[in-house]
C-alpha atoms as a PDB file:
ATOM      1  CA  MET A   1      28.358 -15.988  20.647  1.00  0.00           C
ATOM      2  CA  LYS A   2      27.726 -19.722  21.610  1.00  0.00           C
ATOM      3  CA  ALA A   3      28.240 -18.891  24.911  1.00  0.00           C
ATOM      4  CA  ILE A   4      24.941 -16.495  24.912  1.00  0.00           C
ATOM      5  CA  ALA A   5      22.694 -18.973  22.691  1.00  0.00           C
ATOM      6  CA  ALA A   6      23.476 -21.355  25.274  1.00  0.00           C
ATOM      7  CA  ALA A   7      22.538 -19.512  27.865  1.00  0.00           C
ATOM      8  CA  LEU A   8      19.318 -18.518  26.837  1.00  0.00           C
ATOM      9  CA  LEU A   9      18.159 -21.944  25.844  1.00  0.00           C
ATOM     10  CA  LEU A  10      18.581 -23.187  29.084  1.00  0.00           C
ATOM     11  CA  THR A  11      14.550 -24.635  30.384  1.00  0.00           C
ATOM     12  CA  ALA A  12      15.454 -27.741  32.641  1.00  0.00           C
ATOM     13  CA  ALA A  13      15.247 -27.852  35.926  1.00  0.00           C
ATOM     14  CA  SER A  14      16.609 -30.042  38.492  1.00  0.00           C
ATOM     15  CA  PRO A  15      15.155 -31.561  41.279  1.00  0.00           C
ATOM     16  CA  ALA A  16      13.345 -29.367  44.142  1.00  0.00           C
ATOM     17  CA  SER A  17      15.892 -30.893  46.917  1.00  0.00           C
ATOM     18  CA  ALA A  18      18.649 -29.037  44.343  1.00  0.00           C
ATOM     19  CA  TYR A  19      17.599 -26.162  44.263  1.00  0.00           C
ATOM     20  CA  THR A  20      19.493 -22.766  45.755  1.00  0.00           C
ATOM     21  CA  VAL A  21      17.247 -19.500  46.003  1.00  0.00           C
ATOM     22  CA  VAL A  22      18.731 -17.011  46.779  1.00  0.00           C
ATOM     23  CA  GLY A  23      16.555 -14.021  47.194  1.00  0.00           C
ATOM     24  CA  PHE A  24      18.310 -11.038  49.233  1.00  0.00           C
ATOM     25  CA  GLU A  25      15.816 -10.862  51.589  1.00  0.00           C
ATOM     26  CA  ARG A  26      16.325  -9.587  55.491  1.00  0.00           C
ATOM     27  CA  ILE A  27      20.033  -8.178  54.514  1.00  0.00           C
ATOM     28  CA  ASN A  28      18.864  -4.838  55.536  1.00  0.00           C
ATOM     29  CA  PRO A  29      17.771  -5.064  58.838  1.00  0.00           C
ATOM     30  CA  VAL A  30      14.327  -3.125  58.871  1.00  0.00           C
ATOM     31  CA  TYR A  31      12.182  -2.880  56.131  1.00  0.00           C
ATOM     32  CA  PRO A  32      11.270  -0.357  54.117  1.00  0.00           C
ATOM     33  CA  SER A  33      14.974   1.123  54.384  1.00  0.00           C
ATOM     34  CA  THR A  34      16.380   3.327  52.236  1.00  0.00           C
ATOM     35  CA  SER A  35      20.086   2.571  53.966  1.00  0.00           C
ATOM     36  CA  TYR A  36      21.110  -0.769  51.805  1.00  0.00           C
ATOM     37  CA  ALA A  37      23.692  -3.075  53.383  1.00  0.00           C
ATOM     38  CA  GLN A  38      26.386  -4.786  51.659  1.00  0.00           C
ATOM     39  CA  ILE A  39      25.831  -8.058  51.293  1.00  0.00           C
ATOM     40  CA  LEU A  40      29.461  -9.439  51.529  1.00  0.00           C
ATOM     41  CA  GLY A  41      29.429 -12.671  53.816  1.00  0.00           C
ATOM     42  CA  PHE A  42      25.762 -12.980  54.797  1.00  0.00           C
ATOM     43  CA  TYR A  43      25.144 -16.289  52.372  1.00  0.00           C
ATOM     44  CA  ASN A  44      28.617 -17.174  53.458  1.00  0.00           C
ATOM     45  CA  GLY A  45      28.529 -18.057  57.144  1.00  0.00           C
ATOM     46  CA  GLY A  46      29.527 -14.263  58.049  1.00  0.00           C
ATOM     47  CA  LEU A  47      27.936 -11.020  57.958  1.00  0.00           C
ATOM     48  CA  SER A  48      26.397  -8.178  56.303  1.00  0.00           C
ATOM     49  CA  SER A  49      27.660  -4.971  56.650  1.00  0.00           C
ATOM     50  CA  ALA A  50      24.673  -4.192  58.445  1.00  0.00           C
ATOM     51  CA  GLY A  51      25.847  -7.280  61.020  1.00  0.00           C
ATOM     52  CA  THR A  52      22.784  -9.888  59.649  1.00  0.00           C
ATOM     53  CA  SER A  53      23.631 -13.187  58.266  1.00  0.00           C
ATOM     54  CA  GLY A  54      21.820 -15.728  56.326  1.00  0.00           C
ATOM     55  CA  PRO A  55      22.108 -19.420  55.512  1.00  0.00           C
ATOM     56  CA  ASN A  56      25.729 -20.320  54.622  1.00  0.00           C
ATOM     57  CA  TYR A  57      25.564 -20.825  50.716  1.00  0.00           C
ATOM     58  CA  GLY A  58      29.478 -20.420  50.377  1.00  0.00           C
ATOM     59  CA  PHE A  59      28.544 -17.879  48.477  1.00  0.00           C
ATOM     60  CA  ALA A  60      30.284 -14.425  48.886  1.00  0.00           C
ATOM     61  CA  PHE A  61      30.199 -10.984  47.568  1.00  0.00           C
ATOM     62  CA  SER A  62      32.487  -8.384  46.533  1.00  0.00           C
ATOM     63  CA  ALA A  63      31.615  -4.642  48.357  1.00  0.00           C
ATOM     64  CA  ASN A  64      29.888  -3.171  45.545  1.00  0.00           C
ATOM     65  CA  ALA A  65      26.789  -5.899  45.556  1.00  0.00           C
ATOM     66  CA  VAL A  66      24.043  -4.114  48.286  1.00  0.00           C
ATOM     67  CA  ALA A  67      21.067  -5.302  49.225  1.00  0.00           C
ATOM     68  CA  LEU A  68      18.302  -3.126  47.428  1.00  0.00           C
ATOM     69  CA  CYS A  69      14.894  -2.520  49.316  1.00  0.00           C
ATOM     70  CA  LEU A  70      11.829  -3.463  46.709  1.00  0.00           C
ATOM     71  CA  ASN A  71       9.142  -0.838  47.231  1.00  0.00           C
ATOM     72  CA  PRO A  72       6.108  -1.947  48.600  1.00  0.00           C
ATOM     73  CA  LEU A  73       2.531  -0.883  47.363  1.00  0.00           C
ATOM     74  CA  ALA A  74       2.309   2.637  47.083  1.00  0.00           C
ATOM     75  CA  GLY A  75       6.187   2.525  48.966  1.00  0.00           C
ATOM     76  CA  ASN A  76       9.434   4.359  47.856  1.00  0.00           C
ATOM     77  CA  CYS A  77      12.364   3.210  49.364  1.00  0.00           C
ATOM     78  CA  SER A  78      13.938   2.985  45.993  1.00  0.00           C
ATOM     79  CA  SER A  79      13.132   3.258  41.991  1.00  0.00           C
ATOM     80  CA  ALA A  80      12.513  -0.978  42.007  1.00  0.00           C
ATOM     81  CA  SER A  81       9.800  -3.114  42.981  1.00  0.00           C
ATOM     82  CA  ALA A  82       8.506  -6.605  42.313  1.00  0.00           C
ATOM     83  CA  GLY A  83       5.123  -5.719  41.399  1.00  0.00           C
ATOM     84  CA  GLY A  84       3.559  -7.500  43.911  1.00  0.00           C
ATOM     85  CA  LEU A  85       4.375 -10.685  41.520  1.00  0.00           C
ATOM     86  CA  GLN A  86       7.281 -12.420  43.162  1.00  0.00           C
ATOM     87  CA  PRO A  87       6.682 -15.360  45.133  1.00  0.00           C
ATOM     88  CA  THR A  88       9.754 -15.681  46.350  1.00  0.00           C
ATOM     89  CA  SER A  89      11.428 -12.314  47.089  1.00  0.00           C
ATOM     90  CA  ARG A  90       8.928  -9.132  47.569  1.00  0.00           C
ATOM     91  CA  ARG A  91      11.619  -6.746  50.091  1.00  0.00           C
ATOM     92  CA  GLY A  92      14.874  -7.092  48.617  1.00  0.00           C
ATOM     93  CA  ALA A  93      16.946  -7.607  45.633  1.00  0.00           C
ATOM     94  CA  LEU A  94      20.905  -7.071  44.503  1.00  0.00           C
ATOM     95  CA  GLY A  95      21.990  -3.804  43.299  1.00  0.00           C
ATOM     96  CA  LEU A  96      24.989  -2.232  42.897  1.00  0.00           C
ATOM     97  CA  ALA A  97      26.355   1.070  45.022  1.00  0.00           C
ATOM     98  CA  ALA A  98      28.192   2.164  42.245  1.00  0.00           C
ATOM     99  CA  ASP A  99      28.374   1.979  38.469  1.00  0.00           C
ATOM    100  CA  GLY A 100      30.585  -1.232  37.214  1.00  0.00           C
ATOM    101  CA  GLN A 101      30.157  -4.649  38.692  1.00  0.00           C
ATOM    102  CA  ALA A 102      29.115  -6.939  41.684  1.00  0.00           C
ATOM    103  CA  VAL A 103      30.961 -10.113  42.012  1.00  0.00           C
ATOM    104  CA  LEU A 104      29.610 -12.911  43.692  1.00  0.00           C
ATOM    105  CA  ASP A 105      32.410 -15.928  44.352  1.00  0.00           C
ATOM    106  CA  ILE A 106      31.551 -19.792  44.807  1.00  0.00           C
ATOM    107  CA  ALA A 107      34.712 -20.961  46.188  1.00  0.00           C
ATOM    108  CA  ALA A 108      33.293 -24.699  46.076  1.00  0.00           C
ATOM    109  CA  GLY A 109      32.643 -24.007  42.316  1.00  0.00           C
ATOM    110  CA  TYR A 110      29.263 -24.602  40.571  1.00  0.00           C
ATOM    111  CA  THR A 111      28.213 -26.546  37.755  1.00  0.00           C
ATOM    112  CA  GLY A 112      24.324 -26.565  35.872  1.00  0.00           C
ATOM    113  CA  PRO A 113      21.901 -23.463  35.733  1.00  0.00           C
ATOM    114  CA  VAL A 114      21.324 -20.430  37.223  1.00  0.00           C
ATOM    115  CA  ALA A 115      17.766 -18.295  36.575  1.00  0.00           C
ATOM    116  CA  PHE A 116      17.606 -15.151  37.335  1.00  0.00           C
ATOM    117  CA  ARG A 117      14.954 -12.036  37.748  1.00  0.00           C
ATOM    118  CA  TYR A 118      16.154  -8.370  36.422  1.00  0.00           C
ATOM    119  CA  ALA A 119      15.051  -5.498  35.430  1.00  0.00           C
ATOM    120  CA  VAL A 120      16.940  -2.406  33.482  1.00  0.00           C
ATOM    121  CA  ALA A 121      15.892   1.036  32.998  1.00  0.00           C
ATOM    122  CA  PRO A 122      15.667   3.148  29.577  1.00  0.00           C
ATOM    123  CA  GLY A 123      18.369   3.981  27.977  1.00  0.00           C
ATOM    124  CA  SER A 124      20.838   1.980  30.612  1.00  0.00           C
ATOM    125  CA  GLY A 125      21.987  -1.778  30.183  1.00  0.00           C
ATOM    126  CA  GLY A 126      24.399  -4.532  31.871  1.00  0.00           C
ATOM    127  CA  SER A 127      25.036  -8.363  31.861  1.00  0.00           C
ATOM    128  CA  ILE A 128      25.408 -11.195  34.113  1.00  0.00           C
ATOM    129  CA  ALA A 129      28.312 -13.724  33.292  1.00  0.00           C
ATOM    130  CA  LEU A 130      30.006 -17.042  34.746  1.00  0.00           C
ATOM    131  CA  TYR A 131      33.736 -17.244  35.268  1.00  0.00           C
ATOM    132  CA  ALA A 132      35.983 -20.072  35.709  1.00  0.00           C
ATOM    133  CA  GLY A 133      38.205 -18.111  38.245  1.00  0.00           C
ATOM    134  CA  LEU A 134      37.120 -16.366  41.231  1.00  0.00           C
ATOM    135  CA  GLY A 135      36.316 -12.528  41.401  1.00  0.00           C
ATOM    136  CA  GLY A 136      35.463 -12.722  37.621  1.00  0.00           C
ATOM    137  CA  THR A 137      38.836 -14.069  36.444  1.00  0.00           C
ATOM    138  CA  GLY A 138      39.792 -16.971  34.122  1.00  0.00           C
ATOM    139  CA  ALA A 139      37.596 -17.842  31.241  1.00  0.00           C
ATOM    140  CA  GLN A 140      34.279 -16.270  30.339  1.00  0.00           C
ATOM    141  CA  LEU A 141      31.847 -19.447  30.405  1.00  0.00           C
ATOM    142  CA  ALA A 142      28.696 -17.684  29.559  1.00  0.00           C
ATOM    143  CA  LEU A 143      27.332 -14.207  29.073  1.00  0.00           C
ATOM    144  CA  VAL A 144      23.462 -12.363  28.862  1.00  0.00           C
ATOM    145  CA  PRO A 145      23.609  -9.223  27.708  1.00  0.00           C
ATOM    146  CA  LEU A 146      20.807  -7.428  29.185  1.00  0.00           C
ATOM    147  CA  PHE A 147      19.190  -4.249  27.927  1.00  0.00           C
ATOM    148  CA  ALA A 148      15.914  -2.037  28.717  1.00  0.00           C
ATOM    149  CA  SER A 149      13.199  -4.257  29.871  1.00  0.00           C
ATOM    150  CA  ALA A 150      11.285  -2.436  32.875  1.00  0.00           C
ATOM    151  CA  ALA A 151       7.913  -0.905  31.770  1.00  0.00           C
ATOM    152  CA  GLY A 152       7.131   0.606  34.985  1.00  0.00           C
ATOM    153  CA  CYS A 153       4.756   0.090  38.057  1.00  0.00           C
ATOM    154  CA  PRO A 154       2.929   3.220  38.455  1.00  0.00           C
ATOM    155  CA  ALA A 155       1.233   2.058  41.668  1.00  0.00           C
ATOM    156  CA  PHE A 156       4.446   1.003  43.641  1.00  0.00           C
ATOM    157  CA  ASN A 157       6.768   4.088  42.529  1.00  0.00           C
ATOM    158  CA  ALA A 158       9.035   1.898  40.736  1.00  0.00           C
ATOM    159  CA  THR A 159      10.425   2.521  37.098  1.00  0.00           C
ATOM    160  CA  LEU A 160      12.514  -1.293  37.794  1.00  0.00           C
ATOM    161  CA  CYS A 161       9.774  -3.227  37.461  1.00  0.00           C
ATOM    162  CA  PRO A 162       8.344  -5.887  36.956  1.00  0.00           C
ATOM    163  CA  LEU A 163      11.497  -8.088  37.144  1.00  0.00           C
ATOM    164  CA  ALA A 164      11.294 -10.290  33.825  1.00  0.00           C
ATOM    165  CA  PRO A 165      13.142 -14.116  34.056  1.00  0.00           C
ATOM    166  CA  GLY A 166      16.460 -14.978  32.505  1.00  0.00           C
ATOM    167  CA  GLY A 167      19.000 -18.076  32.614  1.00  0.00           C
ATOM    168  CA  LEU A 168      22.388 -18.666  32.081  1.00  0.00           C
ATOM    169  CA  GLY A 169      24.757 -21.983  32.820  1.00  0.00           C
ATOM    170  CA  GLY A 170      28.459 -23.243  32.461  1.00  0.00           C
ATOM    171  CA  THR A 171      30.695 -25.799  34.230  1.00  0.00           C
ATOM    172  CA  GLY A 172      32.748 -25.373  36.922  1.00  0.00           C
ATOM    173  CA  VAL A 173      32.072 -21.937  37.719  1.00  0.00           C
ATOM    174  CA  MET A 174      33.267 -20.111  40.459  1.00  0.00           C
ATOM    175  CA  SER A 175      31.913 -16.644  40.389  1.00  0.00           C
ATOM    176  CA  VAL A 176      29.181 -14.588  38.871  1.00  0.00           C
ATOM    177  CA  VAL A 177      29.691 -11.087  37.453  1.00  0.00           C
ATOM    178  CA  PHE A 178      26.664  -8.924  37.998  1.00  0.00           C
ATOM    179  CA  THR A 179      27.356  -5.564  35.354  1.00  0.00           C
ATOM    180  CA  GLY A 180      25.295  -2.442  35.108  1.00  0.00           C
ATOM    181  CA  GLN A 181      25.170   1.405  36.287  1.00  0.00           C
ATOM    182  CA  ALA A 182      23.778   2.067  39.691  1.00  0.00           C
ATOM    183  CA  GLY A 183      20.199   2.712  40.738  1.00  0.00           C
ATOM    184  CA  LYS A 184      19.584   1.227  36.812  1.00  0.00           C
ATOM    185  CA  ILE A 185      19.774  -2.176  37.179  1.00  0.00           C
ATOM    186  CA  VAL A 186      18.302  -4.802  39.636  1.00  0.00           C
ATOM    187  CA  PHE A 187      18.791  -8.599  40.222  1.00  0.00           C
ATOM    188  CA  ASP A 188      16.543 -11.085  42.074  1.00  0.00           C
ATOM    189  CA  ASP A 189      15.854 -14.641  42.964  1.00  0.00           C
ATOM    190  CA  LEU A 190      19.154 -15.919  41.451  1.00  0.00           C
ATOM    191  CA  THR A 191      18.119 -19.970  41.447  1.00  0.00           C
ATOM    192  CA  PHE A 192      20.773 -22.100  41.126  1.00  0.00           C
ATOM    193  CA  GLY A 193      19.372 -25.986  39.761  1.00  0.00           C
ATOM    194  CA  ALA A 194      16.495 -24.119  37.415  1.00  0.00           C
ATOM    195  CA  GLY A 195      16.923 -22.643  33.951  1.00  0.00           C
ATOM    196  CA  ASN A 196      15.290 -19.853  32.938  1.00  0.00           C
ATOM    197  CA  ASP A 197      12.628 -19.723  35.461  1.00  0.00           C
ATOM    198  CA  PRO A 198      13.407 -18.738  39.508  1.00  0.00           C
ATOM    199  CA  LEU A 199      11.670 -20.749  41.513  1.00  0.00           C
ATOM    200  CA  PRO A 200       9.578 -20.013  44.843  1.00  0.00           C
ATOM    201  CA  PRO A 201      11.856 -22.149  47.811  1.00  0.00           C
ATOM    202  CA  PRO A 202      11.301 -26.064  47.918  1.00  0.00           C
ATOM    203  CA  GLY A 203       8.055 -26.446  49.516  1.00  0.00           C
ATOM    204  CA  VAL A 204       5.865 -23.189  48.940  1.00  0.00           C
ATOM    205  CA  PRO A 205       3.807 -23.305  46.250  1.00  0.00           C
ATOM    206  CA  GLU A 206       3.802 -21.366  43.173  1.00  0.00           C
ATOM    207  CA  PRO A 207       0.484 -19.041  42.689  1.00  0.00           C
ATOM    208  CA  ALA A 208      -0.922 -21.647  40.174  1.00  0.00           C
ATOM    209  CA  SER A 209      -0.643 -24.244  42.489  1.00  0.00           C
ATOM    210  CA  TRP A 210      -2.462 -22.484  45.073  1.00  0.00           C
ATOM    211  CA  ALA A 211      -5.157 -21.551  42.602  1.00  0.00           C
ATOM    212  CA  LEU A 212      -5.463 -25.644  41.904  1.00  0.00           C
ATOM    213  CA  MET A 213      -5.731 -26.589  45.739  1.00  0.00           C
ATOM    214  CA  LEU A 214      -7.952 -23.870  46.358  1.00  0.00           C
ATOM    215  CA  THR A 215     -10.619 -24.845  43.959  1.00  0.00           C
ATOM    216  CA  GLY A 216      -9.877 -28.383  45.079  1.00  0.00           C
ATOM    217  CA  PHE A 217     -10.677 -27.528  48.542  1.00  0.00           C
ATOM    218  CA  GLY A 218     -14.116 -25.847  47.136  1.00  0.00           C
ATOM    219  CA  LEU A 219     -14.879 -28.891  45.356  1.00  0.00           C
ATOM    220  CA  ALA A 220     -14.506 -31.653  47.585  1.00  0.00           C
ATOM    221  CA  GLY A 221     -15.975 -28.638  50.295  1.00  0.00           C
ATOM    222  CA  SER A 222     -19.160 -28.978  47.631  1.00  0.00           C
ATOM    223  CA  ALA A 223     -19.325 -32.741  47.440  1.00  0.00           C
ATOM    224  CA  LEU A 224     -19.568 -33.327  51.135  1.00  0.00           C
ATOM    225  CA  ARG A 225     -22.363 -30.543  51.400  1.00  0.00           C
ATOM    226  CA  GLY A 226     -23.992 -32.291  48.908  1.00  0.00           C
ATOM    227  CA  ARG A 227     -23.873 -36.219  50.629  1.00  0.00           C
ATOM    228  CA  ARG A 228     -24.577 -34.209  53.674  1.00  0.00           C
ATOM    229  CA  ALA A 229     -27.934 -32.831  51.811  1.00  0.00           C
ATOM    230  CA  THR A 230     -28.775 -36.219  50.167  1.00  0.00           C
ATOM    231  CA  ALA A 231     -28.426 -37.691  53.707  1.00  0.00           C
END
């Protein structure tokens, strides 16, 4: 219980340069796709089962971890979608190929908070946990049980939608274990270095920032037009 409480209370964020965002994008070679590639070494300097490769974060995924396709508006590639609300990952997410566990191994270890987004189908459940050993072995450092949360997004043909935020963290983390039923749970936007709120990649303004920027540009333009009219 202490581990769960500590995980849910994490809110502090590290400097933007320390963020590592795993959005599960471009793992499947085409989008939309109903053939979900195993992630495998995509984030470890290797390849997914589809032969695609991504940034080398030193993260290796077990065979049960697949890149689920997220439905676009009126799409139908899965039962999940970001509902048009995600700034970091609209096309791909982490799903399970079969009921049980998927494991993310971090060979170099990690200490700090981890934010994520998730959705669980009604009548189902799951969890995300941190372990001190590779492959989900050793001491359990933190555990967050996940319950039915998704209200559904009819416009996106998705029952696993929208995705809710969560977070946990630990010291000396060697593996992250995702547990649930295939087709009834989805994870996305793993953000290492942030608490309960996954962030967009460094240098990409959040939607609220875009609104403030556009408002500022509009005010600057109005002031400039006023000066020209006065002149």
